[in-house]
Amino acid sequence: MSQSKIQGRFMAKSKDVRITVILECTSCVRNGVNKVSTGVSRYMTQKNQHNTPNRLELRKFCPYCYKHTIHGEIKK
C-alpha cells in the first residue's frame, strides 16, 4: 500500500469542535464609551462548543475603560 492510503486510515476526522468567538467589553457597551475615547474593546478567541455551549464571559483588560472588565461573547 502507498504511504497516503496507510495514513488516511488512522487520521481523525475534523469535526470543527472549536469555533472562533468575539468578546466585547460589557461596561463600554452598557455605559457608553468615555468621552475621551472612541471605541469598544473587542478580543477574538476560540472555544470548544461541546464543553462550553453557553456564552463565554472572561475578565480582560479594556484599554478604553483603563481597567479589567467582563468581556462577553457576541454574535457574529
PDB file of N, CA and C in Angstrom:
ATOM      1  N   MET A   1       0.831  -1.182   0.000  1.00  0.00           N
ATOM      2  CA  MET A   1       0.000   0.000   0.000  1.00  0.00           C
ATOM      3  C   MET A   1       0.874   1.243   0.000  1.00  0.00           C
ATOM      4  N   SER A   2       0.344   2.287  -0.575  1.00  0.00           N
ATOM      5  CA  SER A   2       1.104   3.526  -0.596  1.00  0.00           C
ATOM      6  C   SER A   2       1.014   4.210   0.769  1.00  0.00           C
ATOM      7  N   GLN A   3       1.931   5.143   1.003  1.00  0.00           N
ATOM      8  CA  GLN A   3       2.007   5.829   2.294  1.00  0.00           C
ATOM      9  C   GLN A   3       0.738   6.642   2.578  1.00  0.00           C
ATOM     10  N   SER A   4       0.155   7.276   1.562  1.00  0.00           N
ATOM     11  CA  SER A   4      -1.023   8.110   1.791  1.00  0.00           C
ATOM     12  C   SER A   4      -2.240   7.276   2.169  1.00  0.00           C
ATOM     13  N   LYS A   5      -2.376   6.075   1.621  1.00  0.00           N
ATOM     14  CA  LYS A   5      -3.505   5.226   1.975  1.00  0.00           C
ATOM     15  C   LYS A   5      -3.393   4.739   3.415  1.00  0.00           C
ATOM     16  N   ILE A   6      -2.172   4.453   3.861  1.00  0.00           N
ATOM     17  CA  ILE A   6      -1.977   3.986   5.231  1.00  0.00           C
ATOM     18  C   ILE A   6      -2.299   5.114   6.212  1.00  0.00           C
ATOM     19  N   GLN A   7      -1.824   6.327   5.933  1.00  0.00           N
ATOM     20  CA  GLN A   7      -2.085   7.447   6.829  1.00  0.00           C
ATOM     21  C   GLN A   7      -3.571   7.821   6.832  1.00  0.00           C
ATOM     22  N   GLY A   8      -4.237   7.655   5.716  1.00  0.00           N
ATOM     23  CA  GLY A   8      -5.643   8.015   5.612  1.00  0.00           C
ATOM     24  C   GLY A   8      -6.534   7.186   6.515  1.00  0.00           C
ATOM     25  N   ARG A   9      -6.165   5.979   6.812  1.00  0.00           N
ATOM     26  CA  ARG A   9      -6.978   5.117   7.657  1.00  0.00           C
ATOM     27  C   ARG A   9      -6.967   5.543   9.120  1.00  0.00           C
ATOM     28  N   PHE A  10      -5.830   6.033   9.592  1.00  0.00           N
ATOM     29  CA  PHE A  10      -5.661   6.263  11.018  1.00  0.00           C
ATOM     30  C   PHE A  10      -5.828   7.717  11.439  1.00  0.00           C
ATOM     31  N   MET A  11      -5.991   8.609  10.535  1.00  0.00           N
ATOM     32  CA  MET A  11      -6.129  10.012  10.900  1.00  0.00           C
ATOM     33  C   MET A  11      -7.558  10.314  11.334  1.00  0.00           C
ATOM     34  N   ALA A  12      -7.697  11.167  12.335  1.00  0.00           N
ATOM     35  CA  ALA A  12      -9.017  11.534  12.850  1.00  0.00           C
ATOM     36  C   ALA A  12      -9.691  12.516  11.899  1.00  0.00           C
ATOM     37  N   LYS A  13     -11.007  12.463  11.880  1.00  0.00           N
ATOM     38  CA  LYS A  13     -11.765  13.380  11.045  1.00  0.00           C
ATOM     39  C   LYS A  13     -11.938  14.704  11.781  1.00  0.00           C
ATOM     40  N   SER A  14     -11.921  15.785  11.037  1.00  0.00           N
ATOM     41  CA  SER A  14     -12.133  17.101  11.616  1.00  0.00           C
ATOM     42  C   SER A  14     -13.624  17.351  11.766  1.00  0.00           C
ATOM     43  N   LYS A  15     -14.064  17.669  12.993  1.00  0.00           N
ATOM     44  CA  LYS A  15     -15.482  17.907  13.243  1.00  0.00           C
ATOM     45  C   LYS A  15     -15.758  19.360  13.605  1.00  0.00           C
ATOM     46  N   ASP A  16     -14.757  20.213  13.514  1.00  0.00           N
ATOM     47  CA  ASP A  16     -14.895  21.633  13.807  1.00  0.00           C
ATOM     48  C   ASP A  16     -15.544  21.865  15.163  1.00  0.00           C
ATOM     49  N   VAL A  17     -14.956  21.282  16.195  1.00  0.00           N
ATOM     50  CA  VAL A  17     -15.473  21.444  17.543  1.00  0.00           C
ATOM     51  C   VAL A  17     -15.123  22.834  18.069  1.00  0.00           C
ATOM     52  N   ARG A  18     -13.933  23.328  17.742  1.00  0.00           N
ATOM     53  CA  ARG A  18     -13.503  24.651  18.207  1.00  0.00           C
ATOM     54  C   ARG A  18     -13.989  25.716  17.223  1.00  0.00           C
ATOM     55  N   ILE A  19     -14.629  26.744  17.778  1.00  0.00           N
ATOM     56  CA  ILE A  19     -15.119  27.836  16.943  1.00  0.00           C
ATOM     57  C   ILE A  19     -14.525  29.151  17.433  1.00  0.00           C
ATOM     58  N   THR A  20     -14.405  30.116  16.537  1.00  0.00           N
ATOM     59  CA  THR A  20     -13.887  31.431  16.869  1.00  0.00           C
ATOM     60  C   THR A  20     -15.027  32.305  17.352  1.00  0.00           C
ATOM     61  N   VAL A  21     -14.816  32.980  18.494  1.00  0.00           N
ATOM     62  CA  VAL A  21     -15.832  33.867  19.064  1.00  0.00           C
ATOM     63  C   VAL A  21     -15.222  35.240  19.302  1.00  0.00           C
ATOM     64  N   ILE A  22     -16.076  36.255  19.372  1.00  0.00           N
ATOM     65  CA  ILE A  22     -15.645  37.626  19.633  1.00  0.00           C
ATOM     66  C   ILE A  22     -16.156  38.017  21.017  1.00  0.00           C
ATOM     67  N   LEU A  23     -15.247  38.538  21.857  1.00  0.00           N
ATOM     68  CA  LEU A  23     -15.596  39.005  23.190  1.00  0.00           C
ATOM     69  C   LEU A  23     -15.603  40.530  23.178  1.00  0.00           C
ATOM     70  N   GLU A  24     -16.664  41.125  23.727  1.00  0.00           N
ATOM     71  CA  GLU A  24     -16.807  42.574  23.736  1.00  0.00           C
ATOM     72  C   GLU A  24     -16.983  43.064  25.171  1.00  0.00           C
ATOM     73  N   CYS A  25     -16.385  44.207  25.485  1.00  0.00           N
ATOM     74  CA  CYS A  25     -16.466  44.782  26.827  1.00  0.00           C
ATOM     75  C   CYS A  25     -17.914  45.120  27.158  1.00  0.00           C
ATOM     76  N   THR A  26     -18.396  44.624  28.302  1.00  0.00           N
ATOM     77  CA  THR A  26     -19.789  44.871  28.678  1.00  0.00           C
ATOM     78  C   THR A  26     -19.970  46.250  29.292  1.00  0.00           C
ATOM     79  N   SER A  27     -18.968  46.789  29.975  1.00  0.00           N
ATOM     80  CA  SER A  27     -19.143  48.105  30.597  1.00  0.00           C
ATOM     81  C   SER A  27     -19.106  49.222  29.556  1.00  0.00           C
ATOM     82  N   CYS A  28     -18.342  49.094  28.495  1.00  0.00           N
ATOM     83  CA  CYS A  28     -18.321  50.108  27.429  1.00  0.00           C
ATOM     84  C   CYS A  28     -19.663  50.135  26.699  1.00  0.00           C
ATOM     85  N   VAL A  29     -20.239  48.967  26.472  1.00  0.00           N
ATOM     86  CA  VAL A  29     -21.499  48.866  25.736  1.00  0.00           C
ATOM     87  C   VAL A  29     -22.649  49.409  26.583  1.00  0.00           C
ATOM     88  N   ARG A  30     -22.682  49.057  27.869  1.00  0.00           N
ATOM     89  CA  ARG A  30     -23.786  49.479  28.736  1.00  0.00           C
ATOM     90  C   ARG A  30     -23.732  50.968  29.052  1.00  0.00           C
ATOM     91  N   ASN A  31     -22.569  51.451  29.465  1.00  0.00           N
ATOM     92  CA  ASN A  31     -22.451  52.831  29.930  1.00  0.00           C
ATOM     93  C   ASN A  31     -22.150  53.817  28.816  1.00  0.00           C
ATOM     94  N   GLY A  32     -21.928  53.339  27.625  1.00  0.00           N
ATOM     95  CA  GLY A  32     -21.469  54.230  26.570  1.00  0.00           C
ATOM     96  C   GLY A  32     -19.976  54.419  26.753  1.00  0.00           C
ATOM     97  N   VAL A  33     -19.323  54.795  25.716  1.00  0.00           N
ATOM     98  CA  VAL A  33     -17.876  54.931  25.754  1.00  0.00           C
ATOM     99  C   VAL A  33     -17.518  56.259  26.422  1.00  0.00           C
ATOM    100  N   ASN A  34     -16.353  56.293  27.083  1.00  0.00           N
ATOM    101  CA  ASN A  34     -15.883  57.531  27.714  1.00  0.00           C
ATOM    102  C   ASN A  34     -15.848  58.656  26.683  1.00  0.00           C
ATOM    103  N   LYS A  35     -15.987  59.864  27.134  1.00  0.00           N
ATOM    104  CA  LYS A  35     -15.988  60.993  26.207  1.00  0.00           C
ATOM    105  C   LYS A  35     -14.623  61.182  25.554  1.00  0.00           C
ATOM    106  N   VAL A  36     -13.565  60.769  26.249  1.00  0.00           N
ATOM    107  CA  VAL A  36     -12.214  60.926  25.717  1.00  0.00           C
ATOM    108  C   VAL A  36     -11.939  59.901  24.628  1.00  0.00           C
ATOM    109  N   SER A  37     -12.333  58.653  24.840  1.00  0.00           N
ATOM    110  CA  SER A  37     -12.027  57.587  23.885  1.00  0.00           C
ATOM    111  C   SER A  37     -13.194  57.368  22.923  1.00  0.00           C
ATOM    112  N   THR A  38     -12.875  56.755  21.799  1.00  0.00           N
ATOM    113  CA  THR A  38     -13.905  56.450  20.801  1.00  0.00           C
ATOM    114  C   THR A  38     -13.758  55.008  20.365  1.00  0.00           C
ATOM    115  N   GLY A  39     -14.474  54.099  21.023  1.00  0.00           N
ATOM    116  CA  GLY A  39     -14.394  52.703  20.616  1.00  0.00           C
ATOM    117  C   GLY A  39     -14.874  51.768  21.691  1.00  0.00           C
ATOM    118  N   VAL A  40     -14.933  50.492  21.328  1.00  0.00           N
ATOM    119  CA  VAL A  40     -15.336  49.430  22.239  1.00  0.00           C
ATOM    120  C   VAL A  40     -14.270  48.353  22.144  1.00  0.00           C
ATOM    121  N   SER A  41     -13.835  47.857  23.300  1.00  0.00           N
ATOM    122  CA  SER A  41     -12.789  46.841  23.346  1.00  0.00           C
ATOM    123  C   SER A  41     -13.343  45.499  22.875  1.00  0.00           C
ATOM    124  N   ARG A  42     -12.635  44.860  21.952  1.00  0.00           N
ATOM    125  CA  ARG A  42     -13.027  43.538  21.458  1.00  0.00           C
ATOM    126  C   ARG A  42     -11.815  42.622  21.390  1.00  0.00           C
ATOM    127  N   TYR A  43     -12.010  41.375  21.751  1.00  0.00           N
ATOM    128  CA  TYR A  43     -10.992  40.336  21.665  1.00  0.00           C
ATOM    129  C   TYR A  43     -11.547  39.172  20.865  1.00  0.00           C
ATOM    130  N   MET A  44     -10.664  38.467  20.156  1.00  0.00           N
ATOM    131  CA  MET A  44     -11.048  37.245  19.452  1.00  0.00           C
ATOM    132  C   MET A  44     -10.374  36.073  20.149  1.00  0.00           C
ATOM    133  N   THR A  45     -11.121  34.995  20.338  1.00  0.00           N
ATOM    134  CA  THR A  45     -10.596  33.787  20.962  1.00  0.00           C
ATOM    135  C   THR A  45     -11.345  32.583  20.396  1.00  0.00           C
ATOM    136  N   GLN A  46     -10.981  31.397  20.845  1.00  0.00           N
ATOM    137  CA  GLN A  46     -11.653  30.181  20.408  1.00  0.00           C
ATOM    138  C   GLN A  46     -12.227  29.470  21.617  1.00  0.00           C
ATOM    139  N   LYS A  47     -13.325  28.742  21.398  1.00  0.00           N
ATOM    140  CA  LYS A  47     -13.898  27.929  22.462  1.00  0.00           C
ATOM    141  C   LYS A  47     -14.336  26.597  21.893  1.00  0.00           C
ATOM    142  N   ASN A  48     -14.406  25.605  22.762  1.00  0.00           N
ATOM    143  CA  ASN A  48     -14.881  24.286  22.396  1.00  0.00           C
ATOM    144  C   ASN A  48     -16.397  24.283  22.604  1.00  0.00           C
ATOM    145  N   GLN A  49     -17.160  24.162  21.531  1.00  0.00           N
ATOM    146  CA  GLN A  49     -18.617  24.286  21.648  1.00  0.00           C
ATOM    147  C   GLN A  49     -19.271  23.094  22.324  1.00  0.00           C
ATOM    148  N   HIS A  50     -18.591  21.956  22.436  1.00  0.00           N
ATOM    149  CA  HIS A  50     -19.155  20.812  23.161  1.00  0.00           C
ATOM    150  C   HIS A  50     -18.987  20.994  24.670  1.00  0.00           C
ATOM    151  N   ASN A  51     -17.831  21.507  25.098  1.00  0.00           N
ATOM    152  CA  ASN A  51     -17.579  21.704  26.524  1.00  0.00           C
ATOM    153  C   ASN A  51     -18.222  22.979  27.058  1.00  0.00           C
ATOM    154  N   THR A  52     -18.371  24.006  26.215  1.00  0.00           N
ATOM    155  CA  THR A  52     -18.907  25.303  26.632  1.00  0.00           C
ATOM    156  C   THR A  52     -20.027  25.717  25.692  1.00  0.00           C
ATOM    157  N   PRO A  53     -21.234  25.157  25.833  1.00  0.00           N
ATOM    158  CA  PRO A  53     -22.318  25.512  24.922  1.00  0.00           C
ATOM    159  C   PRO A  53     -22.896  26.900  25.199  1.00  0.00           C
ATOM    160  N   ASN A  54     -22.759  27.406  26.440  1.00  0.00           N
ATOM    161  CA  ASN A  54     -23.288  28.723  26.789  1.00  0.00           C
ATOM    162  C   ASN A  54     -22.339  29.817  26.312  1.00  0.00           C
ATOM    163  N   ARG A  55     -22.808  31.062  26.427  1.00  0.00           N
ATOM    164  CA  ARG A  55     -21.970  32.189  26.027  1.00  0.00           C
ATOM    165  C   ARG A  55     -20.795  32.332  26.986  1.00  0.00           C
ATOM    166  N   LEU A  56     -19.642  32.657  26.429  1.00  0.00           N
ATOM    167  CA  LEU A  56     -18.402  32.768  27.178  1.00  0.00           C
ATOM    168  C   LEU A  56     -18.263  34.171  27.754  1.00  0.00           C
ATOM    169  N   GLU A  57     -17.800  34.287  29.014  1.00  0.00           N
ATOM    170  CA  GLU A  57     -17.507  35.569  29.641  1.00  0.00           C
ATOM    171  C   GLU A  57     -16.161  35.466  30.327  1.00  0.00           C
ATOM    172  N   LEU A  58     -15.239  36.378  29.994  1.00  0.00           N
ATOM    173  CA  LEU A  58     -13.903  36.384  30.576  1.00  0.00           C
ATOM    174  C   LEU A  58     -13.552  37.788  31.043  1.00  0.00           C
ATOM    175  N   ARG A  59     -12.686  37.877  32.069  1.00  0.00           N
ATOM    176  CA  ARG A  59     -12.179  39.182  32.500  1.00  0.00           C
ATOM    177  C   ARG A  59     -10.954  39.511  31.661  1.00  0.00           C
ATOM    178  N   LYS A  60     -11.040  40.617  30.928  1.00  0.00           N
ATOM    179  CA  LYS A  60      -9.950  41.069  30.067  1.00  0.00           C
ATOM    180  C   LYS A  60      -9.705  42.550  30.328  1.00  0.00           C
ATOM    181  N   PHE A  61      -8.543  43.043  29.908  1.00  0.00           N
ATOM    182  CA  PHE A  61      -8.240  44.461  30.071  1.00  0.00           C
ATOM    183  C   PHE A  61      -8.891  45.260  28.944  1.00  0.00           C
ATOM    184  N   CYS A  62      -9.604  46.316  29.328  1.00  0.00           N
ATOM    185  CA  CYS A  62     -10.231  47.203  28.354  1.00  0.00           C
ATOM    186  C   CYS A  62      -9.406  48.486  28.282  1.00  0.00           C
ATOM    187  N   PRO A  63      -8.793  48.779  27.139  1.00  0.00           N
ATOM    188  CA  PRO A  63      -7.982  49.997  27.036  1.00  0.00           C
ATOM    189  C   PRO A  63      -8.813  51.278  27.042  1.00  0.00           C
ATOM    190  N   TYR A  64     -10.116  51.182  26.830  1.00  0.00           N
ATOM    191  CA  TYR A  64     -10.976  52.364  26.829  1.00  0.00           C
ATOM    192  C   TYR A  64     -11.462  52.695  28.238  1.00  0.00           C
ATOM    193  N   CYS A  65     -11.681  51.678  29.079  1.00  0.00           N
ATOM    194  CA  CYS A  65     -12.079  51.894  30.472  1.00  0.00           C
ATOM    195  C   CYS A  65     -10.857  52.009  31.387  1.00  0.00           C
ATOM    196  N   TYR A  66      -9.695  51.582  30.903  1.00  0.00           N
ATOM    197  CA  TYR A  66      -8.439  51.571  31.652  1.00  0.00           C
ATOM    198  C   TYR A  66      -8.505  50.660  32.878  1.00  0.00           C
ATOM    199  N   LYS A  67      -9.206  49.520  32.760  1.00  0.00           N
ATOM    200  CA  LYS A  67      -9.262  48.551  33.854  1.00  0.00           C
ATOM    201  C   LYS A  67      -9.710  47.196  33.308  1.00  0.00           C
ATOM    202  N   HIS A  68      -9.609  46.164  34.153  1.00  0.00           N
ATOM    203  CA  HIS A  68     -10.077  44.831  33.784  1.00  0.00           C
ATOM    204  C   HIS A  68     -11.591  44.784  33.955  1.00  0.00           C
ATOM    205  N   THR A  69     -12.298  44.350  32.914  1.00  0.00           N
ATOM    206  CA  THR A  69     -13.754  44.271  32.946  1.00  0.00           C
ATOM    207  C   THR A  69     -14.192  42.933  32.368  1.00  0.00           C
ATOM    208  N   ILE A  70     -15.462  42.640  32.503  1.00  0.00           N
ATOM    209  CA  ILE A  70     -16.029  41.409  31.936  1.00  0.00           C
ATOM    210  C   ILE A  70     -16.257  41.636  30.445  1.00  0.00           C
ATOM    211  N   HIS A  71     -15.743  40.723  29.640  1.00  0.00           N
ATOM    212  CA  HIS A  71     -15.962  40.734  28.200  1.00  0.00           C
ATOM    213  C   HIS A  71     -16.843  39.543  27.863  1.00  0.00           C
ATOM    214  N   GLY A  72     -17.975  39.779  27.233  1.00  0.00           N
ATOM    215  CA  GLY A  72     -18.926  38.729  26.909  1.00  0.00           C
ATOM    216  C   GLY A  72     -18.938  38.408  25.426  1.00  0.00           C
ATOM    217  N   GLU A  73     -19.325  37.188  25.129  1.00  0.00           N
ATOM    218  CA  GLU A  73     -19.388  36.724  23.743  1.00  0.00           C
ATOM    219  C   GLU A  73     -20.544  37.421  23.002  1.00  0.00           C
ATOM    220  N   ILE A  74     -20.293  37.842  21.768  1.00  0.00           N
ATOM    221  CA  ILE A  74     -21.325  38.476  20.948  1.00  0.00           C
ATOM    222  C   ILE A  74     -21.567  37.630  19.720  1.00  0.00           C
ATOM    223  N   LYS A  75     -22.686  37.889  19.040  1.00  0.00           N
ATOM    224  CA  LYS A  75     -22.990  37.178  17.802  1.00  0.00           C
ATOM    225  C   LYS A  75     -22.106  37.698  16.691  1.00  0.00           C
ATOM    226  N   LYS A  76     -21.813  36.829  15.727  1.00  0.00           N
ATOM    227  CA  LYS A  76     -21.013  37.237  14.566  1.00  0.00           C
ATOM    228  C   LYS A  76     -21.890  37.905  13.553  1.00  0.00           C
TER     229      LYS A  76
END
